[in-house]
Amino acid sequence: MMQTTRSYPSARYRYYDLVMAAFVTVLLCSDVIGVQKVVTVGGFTFGAGILFFPLSYVFGDVLAEVYGYARSRRVIWAGFGALIFASFMSWVIVTLPPKPSWPHQAAYEMVFGQTPRIVLASLLAFWAGEFSNSFVLAKMKILTSGRWLWTRTIGSTIVGEGVDSLLFYPLAFLGSWEASDVVQVMITNYVLKVAWEVAATPFTYRIVNFLKRAENEDYYDRNTNFNPFTLQA
């Protein structure tokens, strides 16, 4: 497999934009639709969003593995901006006064009326978790010389999802939920997210191998600036 440490080419990749779109779509749907609902299935209590949210980490792994940390960083910032806009749009639409004869305002507020606290917790957790995930994967790729892909996809998820969970649940729900419920949901969701990533490993391998061949790219971040606050690729 081709190994590169050069600067990123100016030419567009064939699939990079599609992977970015998939990442942002999964992120928005998971955050807007599934973040507030808690379900119990088979005796396990967990947040409904985890059924799909781990897909964003799969795509994050793919981006960092194939295209490198810097291009992954651009996608993370795109997702961060999309979350901010989605939160702002939800707030505006919920706040607009409904027509008196329209009977669904309460239901609309229930679904889309996230509190500023939850929005802030979600943004901070996403930002820190995704950057931790990409950083760990990029560094592990160098340490393993590109071998044992599963070690870095799973290892980076253990770190990234851990950072995400430790930030999001206490910041979003501590004080409004019972502390025991916060801890239970946080731990259960974290374990399920990591297990989800492990189960998705064959799927991740297929995507990564396809993209490496199609893009003729297998980037190694040996000379990368890991500053998360720049968009330079």
Protein backbone atom coordinates (compact mmCIF):
# COMPACT_ATOMS: atom_id res chain seq x y z
CA MET A 1 0.00 0.00 0.00
CA MET A 2 1.24 3.44 -0.92
CA GLN A 3 2.71 5.45 1.97
CA THR A 4 2.94 9.25 1.78
CA THR A 5 4.07 12.08 4.01
CA ARG A 6 3.95 14.81 1.38
CA SER A 7 1.79 17.91 1.45
CA TYR A 8 -1.79 17.36 0.44
CA PRO A 9 -2.37 17.68 -3.30
CA SER A 10 -4.38 20.59 -4.63
CA ALA A 11 -6.42 18.26 -6.86
CA ARG A 12 -9.72 17.13 -5.41
CA TYR A 13 -10.10 13.59 -4.19
CA ARG A 14 -12.90 11.55 -5.75
CA TYR A 15 -14.67 10.54 -2.54
CA TYR A 16 -13.49 12.95 0.15
CA ASP A 17 -16.52 15.23 -0.20
CA LEU A 18 -18.89 12.27 -0.03
CA VAL A 19 -17.30 10.99 3.16
CA MET A 20 -17.57 14.51 4.62
CA ALA A 21 -21.26 14.69 3.69
CA ALA A 22 -21.91 11.28 5.27
CA PHE A 23 -20.08 12.32 8.45
CA VAL A 24 -22.05 15.57 8.83
CA THR A 25 -25.38 13.89 8.00
CA VAL A 26 -24.93 11.18 10.62
CA LEU A 27 -23.78 13.75 13.17
CA LEU A 28 -26.76 16.07 12.65
CA CYS A 29 -29.35 13.31 12.64
CA SER A 30 -27.90 11.69 15.76
CA ASP A 31 -27.68 14.97 17.63
CA VAL A 32 -31.05 16.43 16.64
CA ILE A 33 -33.21 13.31 16.57
CA GLY A 34 -31.77 10.91 19.12
CA VAL A 35 -29.94 12.83 21.82
CA GLN A 36 -32.73 13.33 24.38
CA LYS A 37 -34.58 10.01 24.32
CA VAL A 38 -33.60 7.36 26.87
CA VAL A 39 -34.77 3.81 26.15
CA THR A 40 -34.66 0.48 27.96
CA VAL A 41 -34.21 -2.68 25.88
CA GLY A 42 -33.55 -6.08 27.42
CA GLY A 43 -32.85 -4.52 30.80
CA PHE A 44 -30.26 -2.08 29.41
CA THR A 45 -30.87 1.66 29.62
CA PHE A 46 -29.20 3.83 27.00
CA GLY A 47 -29.63 6.96 24.91
CA ALA A 48 -31.34 6.26 21.59
CA GLY A 49 -28.79 8.32 19.69
CA ILE A 50 -26.07 5.71 20.16
CA LEU A 51 -27.74 3.48 17.60
CA PHE A 52 -26.37 5.77 14.90
CA PHE A 53 -23.95 8.26 16.51
CA PRO A 54 -20.98 5.81 16.44
CA LEU A 55 -21.15 5.96 12.65
CA SER A 56 -19.65 9.44 12.91
CA TYR A 57 -16.60 7.89 14.61
CA VAL A 58 -16.37 5.26 11.88
CA PHE A 59 -16.27 8.00 9.26
CA GLY A 60 -13.83 9.96 11.43
CA ASP A 61 -11.54 6.93 11.52
CA VAL A 62 -11.81 6.53 7.76
CA LEU A 63 -10.96 10.19 7.16
CA ALA A 64 -7.91 10.19 9.42
CA GLU A 65 -6.67 6.82 8.16
CA VAL A 66 -6.95 7.55 4.45
CA TYR A 67 -6.64 11.33 4.11
CA GLY A 68 -4.73 12.25 7.27
CA TYR A 69 -5.37 14.35 10.35
CA ALA A 70 -5.45 17.74 8.64
CA ARG A 71 -8.24 16.81 6.23
CA SER A 72 -10.07 15.09 9.06
CA ARG A 73 -9.73 18.34 11.03
CA ARG A 74 -11.51 20.27 8.27
CA VAL A 75 -14.42 17.82 8.38
CA ILE A 76 -14.65 18.07 12.17
CA TRP A 77 -14.93 21.85 11.90
CA ALA A 78 -17.57 21.43 9.17
CA GLY A 79 -19.56 19.20 11.51
CA PHE A 80 -19.09 21.66 14.37
CA GLY A 81 -20.46 24.49 12.23
CA ALA A 82 -23.38 22.34 11.08
CA LEU A 83 -24.29 21.54 14.68
CA ILE A 84 -24.22 25.23 15.60
CA PHE A 85 -26.50 26.10 12.68
CA ALA A 86 -28.90 23.22 13.44
CA SER A 87 -29.13 24.33 17.07
CA PHE A 88 -29.73 27.95 16.07
CA MET A 89 -32.34 26.98 13.50
CA SER A 90 -34.14 24.77 16.02
CA TRP A 91 -34.18 27.64 18.54
CA VAL A 92 -35.55 30.14 16.00
CA ILE A 93 -38.31 27.84 14.74
CA VAL A 94 -39.38 26.76 18.22
CA THR A 95 -39.39 30.38 19.44
CA LEU A 96 -41.49 31.76 16.56
CA PRO A 97 -45.09 32.27 17.78
CA PRO A 98 -47.37 29.56 16.35
CA LYS A 99 -50.71 30.21 14.74
CA PRO A 100 -53.34 29.94 17.53
CA SER A 101 -55.13 27.13 15.69
CA TRP A 102 -51.95 25.05 15.28
CA PRO A 103 -52.05 22.42 18.08
CA HIS A 104 -48.53 20.98 17.90
CA GLN A 105 -46.33 23.63 19.54
CA ALA A 106 -45.85 21.65 22.76
CA ALA A 107 -44.82 18.53 20.84
CA TYR A 108 -42.47 20.60 18.67
CA GLU A 109 -40.86 22.09 21.74
CA MET A 110 -40.50 18.62 23.25
CA VAL A 111 -38.61 17.30 20.22
CA PHE A 112 -36.60 20.31 19.03
CA GLY A 113 -36.48 22.60 22.05
CA GLN A 114 -33.07 21.59 23.35
CA THR A 115 -31.86 23.74 26.19
CA PRO A 116 -28.74 25.87 25.71
CA ARG A 117 -27.07 23.62 28.28
CA ILE A 118 -27.57 20.49 26.15
CA VAL A 119 -26.46 22.30 23.00
CA LEU A 120 -23.28 23.56 24.66
CA ALA A 121 -22.52 20.15 26.16
CA SER A 122 -23.07 18.46 22.80
CA LEU A 123 -20.83 20.90 20.94
CA LEU A 124 -18.01 20.69 23.46
CA ALA A 125 -18.17 16.89 23.71
CA PHE A 126 -18.24 16.44 19.95
CA TRP A 127 -15.32 18.80 19.38
CA ALA A 128 -13.09 17.27 22.06
CA GLY A 129 -14.06 13.67 21.29
CA GLU A 130 -13.57 13.83 17.53
CA PHE A 131 -10.22 15.60 17.75
CA SER A 132 -9.03 13.09 20.35
CA ASN A 133 -10.16 10.26 18.07
CA SER A 134 -8.33 11.62 15.00
CA PHE A 135 -5.18 12.48 16.94
CA VAL A 136 -4.89 9.04 18.52
CA LEU A 137 -5.52 7.26 15.22
CA ALA A 138 -2.92 9.36 13.38
CA LYS A 139 -0.28 8.77 16.04
CA MET A 140 -1.04 5.05 16.31
CA LYS A 141 -0.74 4.69 12.54
CA ILE A 142 2.84 5.94 12.72
CA LEU A 143 3.65 3.77 15.75
CA THR A 144 2.31 0.64 14.02
CA SER A 145 3.79 1.55 10.61
CA GLY A 146 0.33 1.22 9.12
CA ARG A 147 -0.22 -2.34 10.32
CA TRP A 148 -3.09 -3.66 12.46
CA LEU A 149 -5.74 -1.18 11.41
CA TRP A 150 -8.16 -2.60 13.97
CA THR A 151 -5.90 -1.53 16.84
CA ARG A 152 -6.12 2.13 15.91
CA THR A 153 -9.79 2.23 14.87
CA ILE A 154 -10.82 0.62 18.14
CA GLY A 155 -8.12 2.32 20.23
CA SER A 156 -8.96 5.78 18.94
CA THR A 157 -12.65 5.13 19.58
CA ILE A 158 -11.97 4.05 23.17
CA VAL A 159 -10.27 7.41 23.75
CA GLY A 160 -12.56 9.60 21.63
CA GLU A 161 -15.84 8.16 22.84
CA GLY A 162 -14.50 8.24 26.40
CA VAL A 163 -13.75 11.97 26.17
CA ASP A 164 -17.12 12.59 24.51
CA SER A 165 -19.09 10.67 27.15
CA LEU A 166 -17.22 12.10 30.14
CA LEU A 167 -17.97 15.63 28.93
CA PHE A 168 -21.47 15.33 27.49
CA TYR A 169 -23.55 13.50 30.09
CA PRO A 170 -22.47 15.38 33.23
CA LEU A 171 -22.54 18.75 31.47
CA ALA A 172 -25.94 18.11 29.87
CA PHE A 173 -27.89 16.25 32.55
CA LEU A 174 -26.25 16.38 35.98
CA GLY A 175 -28.68 18.18 38.25
CA SER A 176 -31.72 17.57 36.04
CA TRP A 177 -31.34 13.78 36.13
CA GLU A 178 -30.55 11.71 39.18
CA ALA A 179 -26.78 11.36 39.48
CA SER A 180 -27.10 7.58 39.37
CA ASP A 181 -29.02 7.79 36.08
CA VAL A 182 -26.34 10.06 34.58
CA VAL A 183 -23.60 7.61 35.55
CA GLN A 184 -25.57 4.58 34.38
CA VAL A 185 -26.46 6.05 30.99
CA MET A 186 -22.94 7.43 30.51
CA ILE A 187 -21.25 4.09 31.23
CA THR A 188 -23.81 2.01 29.31
CA ASN A 189 -23.66 4.29 26.28
CA TYR A 190 -19.87 4.31 26.32
CA VAL A 191 -19.64 0.52 26.44
CA LEU A 192 -22.22 0.17 23.68
CA LYS A 193 -20.47 2.75 21.48
CA VAL A 194 -17.14 0.94 21.76
CA ALA A 195 -18.83 -2.42 21.17
CA TRP A 196 -20.55 -0.92 18.14
CA GLU A 197 -17.16 0.14 16.76
CA VAL A 198 -15.72 -3.33 17.32
CA ALA A 199 -18.67 -4.91 15.50
CA ALA A 200 -18.27 -2.44 12.63
CA THR A 201 -14.57 -3.29 12.12
CA PRO A 202 -15.12 -5.43 8.98
CA PHE A 203 -17.24 -2.61 7.51
CA THR A 204 -14.51 -0.08 8.35
CA TYR A 205 -11.86 -2.26 6.71
CA ARG A 206 -13.88 -2.44 3.50
CA ILE A 207 -14.35 1.32 3.29
CA VAL A 208 -10.72 2.10 4.14
CA ASN A 209 -9.29 -0.40 1.67
CA PHE A 210 -11.63 0.76 -1.09
CA LEU A 211 -10.77 4.43 -0.56
CA LYS A 212 -7.03 3.82 -0.37
CA ARG A 213 -7.14 2.10 -3.74
CA ALA A 214 -9.58 4.53 -5.35
CA GLU A 215 -7.80 7.65 -4.11
CA ASN A 216 -4.27 6.23 -4.37
CA GLU A 217 -3.71 7.65 -0.90
CA ASP A 218 -2.58 6.30 2.46
CA TYR A 219 -1.48 9.35 4.41
CA TYR A 220 0.99 9.26 7.31
CA ASP A 221 0.99 12.31 9.61
CA ARG A 222 4.72 12.44 10.25
CA ASN A 223 5.06 16.18 9.62
CA THR A 224 1.53 17.29 10.45
CA ASN A 225 0.65 20.32 12.53
CA PHE A 226 -1.82 18.87 15.06
CA ASN A 227 -3.14 22.26 16.16
CA PRO A 228 -6.94 21.76 16.17
CA PHE A 229 -7.62 25.47 15.68
CA THR A 230 -6.47 25.75 12.07
CA LEU A 231 -8.23 24.74 8.87
CA GLN A 232 -5.02 24.44 6.87
CA ALA A 233 -4.74 21.12 5.05
